[in-house]
């Protein structure tokens, strides 16, 4: 499994609209081959900074399948107008399973 972390800075004052747009975009990711789920997090210290954390079966499910599909254009149409700058996207692999207490 691959974890994509998209760090997004939203235009100030448009945070609620961005959050609503990501909520609408859940269906876009639900239709994406290889997508296992997502979570939206908001920085406590910087209210206009978010991370969208998306789990994919493989790196290619995101970089080739999703980005090369019409679904990517749907995602960007929903959330792109709120970006203050281009997002930073990185991919991670878990070293060991999550630990819960």
C-alpha atoms as a PDB file:
ATOM      1  CA  UNK A   1       0.000   0.000   0.000  1.00  0.00           C
ATOM      2  CA  UNK A   2       1.088   3.557  -0.801  1.00  0.00           C
ATOM      3  CA  UNK A   3       0.143   6.638   1.202  1.00  0.00           C
ATOM      4  CA  UNK A   4      -0.107   9.858  -0.787  1.00  0.00           C
ATOM      5  CA  UNK A   5       0.153  13.087   1.195  1.00  0.00           C
ATOM      6  CA  UNK A   6      -0.952  16.187  -0.696  1.00  0.00           C
ATOM      7  CA  UNK A   7      -0.117  19.332   1.281  1.00  0.00           C
ATOM      8  CA  UNK A   8      -2.406  22.142   0.204  1.00  0.00           C
ATOM      9  CA  UNK A   9      -2.439  25.812   1.165  1.00  0.00           C
ATOM     10  CA  UNK A  10      -5.914  27.274   0.665  1.00  0.00           C
ATOM     11  CA  UNK A  11      -6.691  30.905  -0.124  1.00  0.00           C
ATOM     12  CA  UNK A  12      -7.395  32.684   3.152  1.00  0.00           C
ATOM     13  CA  UNK A  13     -11.083  32.931   3.931  1.00  0.00           C
ATOM     14  CA  UNK A  14     -12.063  30.037   1.661  1.00  0.00           C
ATOM     15  CA  UNK A  15     -11.359  27.206   4.097  1.00  0.00           C
ATOM     16  CA  UNK A  16     -15.001  26.175   4.589  1.00  0.00           C
ATOM     17  CA  UNK A  17     -15.623  26.130   0.841  1.00  0.00           C
ATOM     18  CA  UNK A  18     -12.499  24.019   0.289  1.00  0.00           C
ATOM     19  CA  UNK A  19     -13.579  21.535   2.954  1.00  0.00           C
ATOM     20  CA  UNK A  20     -17.002  21.239   1.303  1.00  0.00           C
ATOM     21  CA  UNK A  21     -15.367  20.686  -2.092  1.00  0.00           C
ATOM     22  CA  UNK A  22     -13.185  17.874  -0.703  1.00  0.00           C
ATOM     23  CA  UNK A  23     -16.335  16.351   0.756  1.00  0.00           C
ATOM     24  CA  UNK A  24     -17.881  16.334  -2.728  1.00  0.00           C
ATOM     25  CA  UNK A  25     -14.664  14.866  -4.147  1.00  0.00           C
ATOM     26  CA  UNK A  26     -14.940  11.766  -1.952  1.00  0.00           C
ATOM     27  CA  UNK A  27     -17.084  10.231  -4.700  1.00  0.00           C
ATOM     28  CA  UNK A  28     -14.339  10.932  -7.253  1.00  0.00           C
ATOM     29  CA  UNK A  29     -11.862   8.877  -5.228  1.00  0.00           C
ATOM     30  CA  UNK A  30     -14.448   6.191  -4.515  1.00  0.00           C
ATOM     31  CA  UNK A  31     -14.591   5.617  -8.306  1.00  0.00           C
ATOM     32  CA  UNK A  32     -10.789   5.555  -8.732  1.00  0.00           C
ATOM     33  CA  UNK A  33      -9.234   2.147  -9.325  1.00  0.00           C
ATOM     34  CA  UNK A  34      -6.876   1.235  -6.514  1.00  0.00           C
ATOM     35  CA  UNK A  35      -7.991   3.958  -4.109  1.00  0.00           C
ATOM     36  CA  UNK A  36      -8.459   2.568  -0.596  1.00  0.00           C
ATOM     37  CA  UNK A  37      -9.679   5.721   1.165  1.00  0.00           C
ATOM     38  CA  UNK A  38      -8.745   9.218   2.230  1.00  0.00           C
ATOM     39  CA  UNK A  39      -8.731  11.657   5.112  1.00  0.00           C
ATOM     40  CA  UNK A  40      -8.597  15.459   5.154  1.00  0.00           C
ATOM     41  CA  UNK A  41      -6.589  17.041   7.972  1.00  0.00           C
ATOM     42  CA  UNK A  42      -6.273  20.726   8.842  1.00  0.00           C
ATOM     43  CA  UNK A  43      -3.310  22.304  10.579  1.00  0.00           C
ATOM     44  CA  UNK A  44      -4.200  23.658  14.016  1.00  0.00           C
ATOM     45  CA  UNK A  45      -1.528  26.395  13.957  1.00  0.00           C
ATOM     46  CA  UNK A  46      -2.097  27.437  10.312  1.00  0.00           C
ATOM     47  CA  UNK A  47      -5.792  27.196   9.480  1.00  0.00           C
ATOM     48  CA  UNK A  48      -5.251  27.557   5.718  1.00  0.00           C
ATOM     49  CA  UNK A  49      -2.920  24.524   5.496  1.00  0.00           C
ATOM     50  CA  UNK A  50      -4.373  21.059   4.848  1.00  0.00           C
ATOM     51  CA  UNK A  51      -3.114  17.576   4.097  1.00  0.00           C
ATOM     52  CA  UNK A  52      -5.184  15.205   2.020  1.00  0.00           C
ATOM     53  CA  UNK A  53      -3.945  11.716   2.890  1.00  0.00           C
ATOM     54  CA  UNK A  54      -4.983   9.102   0.330  1.00  0.00           C
ATOM     55  CA  UNK A  55      -4.270   5.377   0.456  1.00  0.00           C
ATOM     56  CA  UNK A  56      -3.598   3.579  -2.846  1.00  0.00           C
ATOM     57  CA  UNK A  57      -2.986  -0.102  -3.598  1.00  0.00           C
ATOM     58  CA  UNK A  58       0.053   0.826  -5.743  1.00  0.00           C
ATOM     59  CA  UNK A  59       1.968   3.970  -6.678  1.00  0.00           C
ATOM     60  CA  UNK A  60       0.866   3.513 -10.290  1.00  0.00           C
ATOM     61  CA  UNK A  61      -2.797   3.493  -9.251  1.00  0.00           C
ATOM     62  CA  UNK A  62      -2.240   7.149  -8.372  1.00  0.00           C
ATOM     63  CA  UNK A  63       0.492   8.374 -10.706  1.00  0.00           C
ATOM     64  CA  UNK A  64      -0.667   6.612 -13.879  1.00  0.00           C
ATOM     65  CA  UNK A  65      -4.246   5.436 -13.375  1.00  0.00           C
ATOM     66  CA  UNK A  66      -5.778   8.337 -11.465  1.00  0.00           C
ATOM     67  CA  UNK A  67      -3.685  11.191 -12.824  1.00  0.00           C
ATOM     68  CA  UNK A  68      -4.189   9.944 -16.377  1.00  0.00           C
ATOM     69  CA  UNK A  69      -7.947   9.634 -16.015  1.00  0.00           C
ATOM     70  CA  UNK A  70     -10.869  12.063 -16.271  1.00  0.00           C
ATOM     71  CA  UNK A  71     -11.282  11.637 -12.497  1.00  0.00           C
ATOM     72  CA  UNK A  72      -8.176  13.767 -11.915  1.00  0.00           C
ATOM     73  CA  UNK A  73      -9.769  16.613 -13.885  1.00  0.00           C
ATOM     74  CA  UNK A  74     -12.938  16.242 -11.759  1.00  0.00           C
ATOM     75  CA  UNK A  75     -10.860  16.462  -8.562  1.00  0.00           C
ATOM     76  CA  UNK A  76      -8.982  19.537  -9.729  1.00  0.00           C
ATOM     77  CA  UNK A  77     -12.158  21.260 -10.935  1.00  0.00           C
ATOM     78  CA  UNK A  78     -13.678  20.830  -7.464  1.00  0.00           C
ATOM     79  CA  UNK A  79     -10.707  21.897  -5.341  1.00  0.00           C
ATOM     80  CA  UNK A  80      -8.284  23.728  -7.624  1.00  0.00           C
ATOM     81  CA  UNK A  81      -9.996  27.131  -7.397  1.00  0.00           C
ATOM     82  CA  UNK A  82      -9.201  27.216  -3.666  1.00  0.00           C
ATOM     83  CA  UNK A  83      -5.434  26.584  -3.968  1.00  0.00           C
ATOM     84  CA  UNK A  84      -3.247  29.511  -2.884  1.00  0.00           C
ATOM     85  CA  UNK A  85      -0.270  27.760  -4.541  1.00  0.00           C
ATOM     86  CA  UNK A  86       0.400  24.423  -6.243  1.00  0.00           C
ATOM     87  CA  UNK A  87       0.102  21.475  -3.823  1.00  0.00           C
ATOM     88  CA  UNK A  88       3.118  19.475  -2.692  1.00  0.00           C
ATOM     89  CA  UNK A  89       2.553  15.740  -3.214  1.00  0.00           C
ATOM     90  CA  UNK A  90       4.690  12.935  -1.789  1.00  0.00           C
ATOM     91  CA  UNK A  91       4.213   9.178  -1.580  1.00  0.00           C
ATOM     92  CA  UNK A  92       5.073   6.962   1.375  1.00  0.00           C
ATOM     93  CA  UNK A  93       5.230   3.266   2.193  1.00  0.00           C
ATOM     94  CA  UNK A  94       4.517   2.047   5.727  1.00  0.00           C
ATOM     95  CA  UNK A  95       7.529   0.494   7.439  1.00  0.00           C
ATOM     96  CA  UNK A  96       5.358  -1.434   9.876  1.00  0.00           C
ATOM     97  CA  UNK A  97       1.611  -1.555  10.542  1.00  0.00           C
ATOM     98  CA  UNK A  98      -0.009   1.293  12.490  1.00  0.00           C
ATOM     99  CA  UNK A  99       0.325   1.002  16.251  1.00  0.00           C
ATOM    100  CA  UNK A 100      -2.691   1.895  18.362  1.00  0.00           C
ATOM    101  CA  UNK A 101      -2.841   2.395  22.123  1.00  0.00           C
END
